[in-house]
């Protein structure tokens, strides 16, 4: 069960998301809500989505930058690289305490020290990942994993896929 912080955030998210809107609008608002909901003491520096490609030139087993909030980001991530790639490849949440100790970490923002990535699946098909970065080593806990997995569940249900 999500913590009070995430329960409150999810309540806001449910009222914010509108399945009749374009997916991009809902994902953009989700990223912004998350980014601004974390207290300044959490040092969250990036929240966003990477999506599997639906465009003509999309490659299989590749994530493409979607709506986000934070510094400029990497635009293409193969499933074989980084934390996002691992979460997509294994279709399971990945929590990294220290990104510098993670083999193959992709440093889009050198300020990021820890990361959590939650896979996004709709109808049994991986469609992307939710990625959250923190400026502190050990920035994410089990509470974050549970809460962000619930956020993703709501986004899958109400995001307009």
Foldseek 3Di string as FASTA:
>chain_A
DADPLLVVLVVVLLVVFALVDDLLVSQQVLQVSVVVSDDVVLQWAKKHKWWQDPDPPGDPQKTAGGHMDHDDFDGIDGLVAALFSVCQVVVAKDWAQAQVPDPRHDCRDVQFGIKIKHFADAPNHTTIIIIITGSHRRSDDVSCRVSVNVVSVSCNVRSND
